[in-house]
Amino acid sequence: MQSIIHLENIRKSYYLGKQELQVLKGITLDVFKNEYVALMGPSGSGKSTLMNILGCLDSPTGGRYILNSKDVSRMPDNDLAEVRNKEIGFVFQQFNLLPRLTALENVALPLIYAGIAKKERLERAAETLAKVKLDDRSHHKPNELSGGQCQRVAIARALVNNPSIILADEPTGNLDSKTSHEIMDILGKIHADGNTVVLVTHEDDISHFAHRIIRLRDGIVESDKVNANPATIAQLA
């Protein structure tokens, strides 16, 4: 099986004056192509720090991070920005949509950074919005959409560049139960289409949609288990 993410003894420290604060204390794991992984942990476990490293938003203090055969551990910021745009689709709890842009324009944003011509990027954005069943709301701005619709726009934006992985950080954190299940249904379909999904969550019921659950505690991997019976929306209906 092909490894999309390979972490080898990843460490991360922050410094308060001369005092070292060790947040990650040697994380070694692999995420394989077309896996659906939930990353869990209590506050202070290092979950958010690890998510930032996985998303190339931060670099480790030590160890190696191989993303899709590229060593990104010590890449300069400009190169990391290019990797983020090409390899990673982000879905955030707060949606992070630009309020003055329509749904279509928000989805097309990563394609601007990739240098895609306007006609093609709008066509691709429209096709991707249709995948999350929002083509009829493409010309609405975020304040004209519900929370669930905003998250679907965010998912479409994450998909539009055909990234190696989808990194979803607490994607249901601001949503009610019904809308949360709709979002998890979409993520499940994205995985079924062949995408690799890494879901960061503190909610047990949400983590059980994943096929593998990794738990962190105090900066190390506490457990890494296959979820033999992942939850489905049909079971909740």
Protein backbone atom coordinates (compact mmCIF):
# COMPACT_ATOMS: atom_id res chain seq x y z
CA MET A 1 0.00 0.00 0.00
CA GLN A 2 1.29 3.47 -0.92
CA SER A 3 2.05 5.82 1.99
CA ILE A 4 0.73 9.35 1.45
CA ILE A 5 1.94 10.58 4.86
CA HIS A 6 5.03 9.20 6.59
CA LEU A 7 5.98 10.69 9.96
CA GLU A 8 9.25 9.56 11.50
CA ASN A 9 9.98 10.56 15.12
CA ILE A 10 8.29 13.95 14.71
CA ARG A 11 9.04 16.32 17.57
CA LYS A 12 7.88 19.88 18.16
CA SER A 13 8.99 22.25 20.90
CA TYR A 14 8.19 25.84 21.71
CA TYR A 15 10.34 28.11 23.83
CA LEU A 16 9.20 30.45 26.59
CA GLY A 17 12.37 32.40 27.19
CA LYS A 18 14.94 29.68 27.90
CA GLN A 19 12.33 27.14 28.92
CA GLU A 20 11.54 24.42 26.38
CA LEU A 21 7.95 23.22 26.07
CA GLN A 22 7.80 19.84 24.35
CA VAL A 23 4.46 19.41 22.60
CA LEU A 24 5.18 16.46 20.29
CA LYS A 25 7.60 13.90 21.70
CA GLY A 26 8.31 11.54 18.83
CA ILE A 27 5.36 10.72 16.57
CA THR A 28 5.89 7.92 14.06
CA LEU A 29 3.03 6.82 11.82
CA ASP A 30 1.90 6.29 8.23
CA VAL A 31 -1.32 7.23 6.49
CA PHE A 32 -1.93 5.29 3.29
CA LYS A 33 -3.63 6.20 0.05
CA ASN A 34 -7.45 6.14 0.34
CA GLU A 35 -7.42 5.76 4.13
CA TYR A 36 -10.02 7.51 6.29
CA VAL A 37 -8.31 8.41 9.56
CA ALA A 38 -9.61 10.20 12.66
CA LEU A 39 -7.02 11.99 14.80
CA MET A 40 -8.22 12.46 18.37
CA GLY A 41 -6.93 13.71 21.68
CA PRO A 42 -7.85 15.89 24.66
CA SER A 43 -6.78 19.50 25.02
CA GLY A 44 -3.00 19.61 25.42
CA SER A 45 -2.44 16.27 23.69
CA GLY A 46 -0.61 17.82 20.73
CA LYS A 47 -3.47 17.16 18.30
CA SER A 48 -3.62 20.73 16.95
CA THR A 49 0.16 20.97 16.67
CA LEU A 50 0.28 17.70 14.74
CA MET A 51 -2.54 18.91 12.48
CA ASN A 52 -0.55 22.07 11.69
CA ILE A 53 2.47 19.97 10.76
CA LEU A 54 0.39 17.58 8.65
CA GLY A 55 -1.06 20.59 6.83
CA CYS A 56 2.40 22.13 6.27
CA LEU A 57 1.28 25.16 8.28
CA ASP A 58 4.20 24.56 10.66
CA SER A 59 7.49 22.62 10.56
CA PRO A 60 8.69 20.06 13.12
CA THR A 61 11.59 20.75 15.45
CA GLY A 62 12.94 17.28 14.70
CA GLY A 63 12.13 14.17 12.71
CA ARG A 64 11.04 13.69 9.10
CA TYR A 65 7.70 14.30 7.35
CA ILE A 66 7.37 12.73 3.91
CA LEU A 67 4.22 13.89 2.08
CA ASN A 68 3.47 12.10 -1.16
CA SER A 69 7.16 11.16 -1.60
CA LYS A 70 8.42 14.71 -0.80
CA ASP A 71 10.37 15.51 2.36
CA VAL A 72 8.62 18.65 3.61
CA SER A 73 10.28 18.68 7.05
CA ARG A 74 12.72 21.49 6.29
CA MET A 75 11.18 23.17 3.28
CA PRO A 76 11.27 27.00 3.18
CA ASP A 77 7.95 28.81 3.56
CA ASN A 78 7.52 29.57 -0.16
CA ASP A 79 7.90 25.91 -1.09
CA LEU A 80 5.58 24.85 1.74
CA ALA A 81 2.92 27.25 0.44
CA GLU A 82 3.10 25.56 -2.97
CA VAL A 83 2.83 22.11 -1.38
CA ARG A 84 -0.20 23.21 0.65
CA ASN A 85 -1.98 24.46 -2.45
CA LYS A 86 -1.26 21.38 -4.56
CA GLU A 87 -1.29 18.51 -2.08
CA ILE A 88 -3.68 19.42 0.75
CA GLY A 89 -7.35 20.35 0.80
CA PHE A 90 -8.29 22.07 4.06
CA VAL A 91 -11.72 22.04 5.71
CA PHE A 92 -11.89 24.19 8.85
CA GLN A 93 -14.39 24.46 11.71
CA GLN A 94 -14.86 28.20 11.03
CA PHE A 95 -15.29 27.64 7.23
CA ASN A 96 -12.81 30.49 6.44
CA LEU A 97 -14.81 31.74 3.46
CA LEU A 98 -14.24 35.26 2.14
CA PRO A 99 -17.47 37.17 2.86
CA ARG A 100 -17.42 39.39 -0.25
CA LEU A 101 -17.03 36.47 -2.66
CA THR A 102 -19.79 34.17 -3.91
CA ALA A 103 -19.70 30.44 -3.23
CA LEU A 104 -18.35 29.90 -6.76
CA GLU A 105 -15.59 32.47 -6.30
CA ASN A 106 -14.61 31.05 -2.89
CA VAL A 107 -14.28 27.56 -4.39
CA ALA A 108 -12.19 28.91 -7.28
CA LEU A 109 -9.65 30.66 -5.00
CA PRO A 110 -7.07 27.83 -4.82
CA LEU A 111 -7.06 27.70 -8.62
CA ILE A 112 -6.05 31.37 -8.79
CA TYR A 113 -2.97 30.57 -6.68
CA ALA A 114 -2.30 27.59 -8.98
CA GLY A 115 -2.24 29.91 -12.02
CA ILE A 116 -5.34 28.44 -13.71
CA ALA A 117 -7.06 30.72 -16.26
CA LYS A 118 -10.35 32.30 -15.18
CA LYS A 119 -12.64 30.39 -17.55
CA GLU A 120 -11.23 27.00 -16.53
CA ARG A 121 -11.20 27.75 -12.82
CA LEU A 122 -14.84 28.85 -12.80
CA GLU A 123 -15.82 25.74 -14.75
CA ARG A 124 -13.94 23.51 -12.31
CA ALA A 125 -15.39 25.36 -9.33
CA ALA A 126 -18.93 24.90 -10.69
CA GLU A 127 -18.33 21.17 -11.25
CA THR A 128 -17.03 20.79 -7.70
CA LEU A 129 -19.95 22.70 -6.18
CA ALA A 130 -22.27 20.30 -8.01
CA LYS A 131 -20.52 17.39 -6.27
CA VAL A 132 -21.62 18.78 -2.89
CA LYS A 133 -25.08 19.61 -4.25
CA LEU A 134 -24.71 23.38 -4.07
CA ASP A 135 -24.71 24.32 -7.74
CA ASP A 136 -28.04 26.11 -7.22
CA ARG A 137 -26.42 28.40 -4.59
CA SER A 138 -23.22 29.16 -6.48
CA HIS A 139 -23.86 32.91 -6.74
CA HIS A 140 -24.80 33.38 -3.08
CA LYS A 141 -22.39 34.92 -0.59
CA PRO A 142 -21.61 33.26 2.76
CA ASN A 143 -24.06 35.45 4.70
CA GLU A 144 -26.82 34.14 2.42
CA LEU A 145 -26.01 30.50 3.22
CA SER A 146 -26.68 28.30 6.23
CA GLY A 147 -23.81 26.91 8.33
CA GLY A 148 -24.09 23.54 6.64
CA GLN A 149 -24.07 25.14 3.19
CA CYS A 150 -20.98 27.19 4.11
CA GLN A 151 -19.22 24.01 5.17
CA ARG A 152 -20.15 22.35 1.87
CA VAL A 153 -18.63 25.33 0.04
CA ALA A 154 -15.50 24.86 2.16
CA ILE A 155 -15.40 21.16 1.25
CA ALA A 156 -15.77 22.01 -2.45
CA ARG A 157 -12.91 24.51 -2.13
CA ALA A 158 -10.79 21.75 -0.52
CA LEU A 159 -11.56 19.37 -3.41
CA VAL A 160 -11.18 21.70 -6.38
CA ASN A 161 -7.41 21.21 -6.79
CA ASN A 162 -7.60 17.38 -6.62
CA PRO A 163 -5.29 17.25 -3.56
CA SER A 164 -3.49 14.17 -2.22
CA ILE A 165 -5.28 14.45 1.13
CA ILE A 166 -8.30 16.18 2.62
CA LEU A 167 -7.48 17.51 6.09
CA ALA A 168 -10.69 18.28 7.99
CA ASP A 169 -10.19 20.12 11.29
CA GLU A 170 -13.29 19.81 13.51
CA PRO A 171 -15.54 20.14 10.42
CA THR A 172 -18.75 19.68 12.43
CA GLY A 173 -17.75 21.75 15.48
CA ASN A 174 -20.14 24.64 14.69
CA LEU A 175 -23.03 22.56 13.34
CA ASP A 176 -26.12 20.91 14.79
CA SER A 177 -26.42 17.10 14.80
CA LYS A 178 -28.49 16.81 11.61
CA THR A 179 -26.17 19.09 9.64
CA SER A 180 -23.12 17.35 11.13
CA HIS A 181 -24.37 14.04 9.78
CA GLU A 182 -24.89 15.60 6.34
CA ILE A 183 -21.27 16.82 6.35
CA MET A 184 -20.01 13.40 7.48
CA ASP A 185 -22.02 11.82 4.68
CA ILE A 186 -20.25 14.07 2.16
CA LEU A 187 -16.82 13.24 3.64
CA GLY A 188 -17.71 9.54 3.46
CA LYS A 189 -18.56 9.88 -0.23
CA ILE A 190 -15.31 11.77 -0.84
CA HIS A 191 -13.44 8.86 0.73
CA ALA A 192 -15.47 6.34 -1.30
CA ASP A 193 -14.42 8.21 -4.46
CA GLY A 194 -10.79 7.35 -3.68
CA ASN A 195 -9.63 10.33 -1.62
CA THR A 196 -7.47 10.14 1.51
CA VAL A 197 -9.23 11.83 4.44
CA VAL A 198 -7.69 12.85 7.78
CA LEU A 199 -10.34 14.03 10.23
CA VAL A 200 -9.31 15.94 13.37
CA THR A 201 -12.02 15.81 16.03
CA HIS A 202 -12.64 15.59 19.77
CA GLU A 203 -16.10 14.03 19.28
CA ASP A 204 -16.28 10.24 19.69
CA ASP A 205 -19.43 9.87 17.59
CA ILE A 206 -17.82 11.78 14.70
CA SER A 207 -14.54 9.82 14.93
CA HIS A 208 -16.40 6.55 14.46
CA PHE A 209 -17.19 7.44 10.85
CA ALA A 210 -13.46 6.93 10.16
CA HIS A 211 -11.92 3.55 9.36
CA ARG A 212 -8.93 4.11 11.66
CA ILE A 213 -8.71 6.06 14.91
CA ILE A 214 -5.42 7.48 16.22
CA ARG A 215 -5.46 8.89 19.76
CA LEU A 216 -2.81 11.26 21.10
CA ARG A 217 -2.00 12.00 24.72
CA ASP A 218 0.82 14.14 26.12
CA GLY A 219 2.53 14.45 22.74
CA ILE A 220 2.73 10.76 21.86
CA VAL A 221 0.49 8.22 20.10
CA GLU A 222 -1.56 6.57 22.84
CA SER A 223 -3.39 4.18 20.50
CA ASP A 224 -3.76 3.49 16.77
CA LYS A 225 -6.62 1.13 15.98
CA VAL A 226 -8.58 0.00 12.95
CA ASN A 227 -12.30 0.76 13.29
CA ALA A 228 -13.80 -2.50 12.10
CA ASN A 229 -17.36 -1.15 12.02
CA PRO A 230 -17.31 2.49 10.90
CA ALA A 231 -20.54 4.41 11.42
CA THR A 232 -22.75 5.18 8.44
CA ILE A 233 -25.46 7.77 7.95
CA ALA A 234 -27.92 4.96 7.17
CA GLN A 235 -27.44 3.60 10.71
CA LEU A 236 -28.39 6.99 12.17
CA ALA A 237 -31.47 7.52 9.98
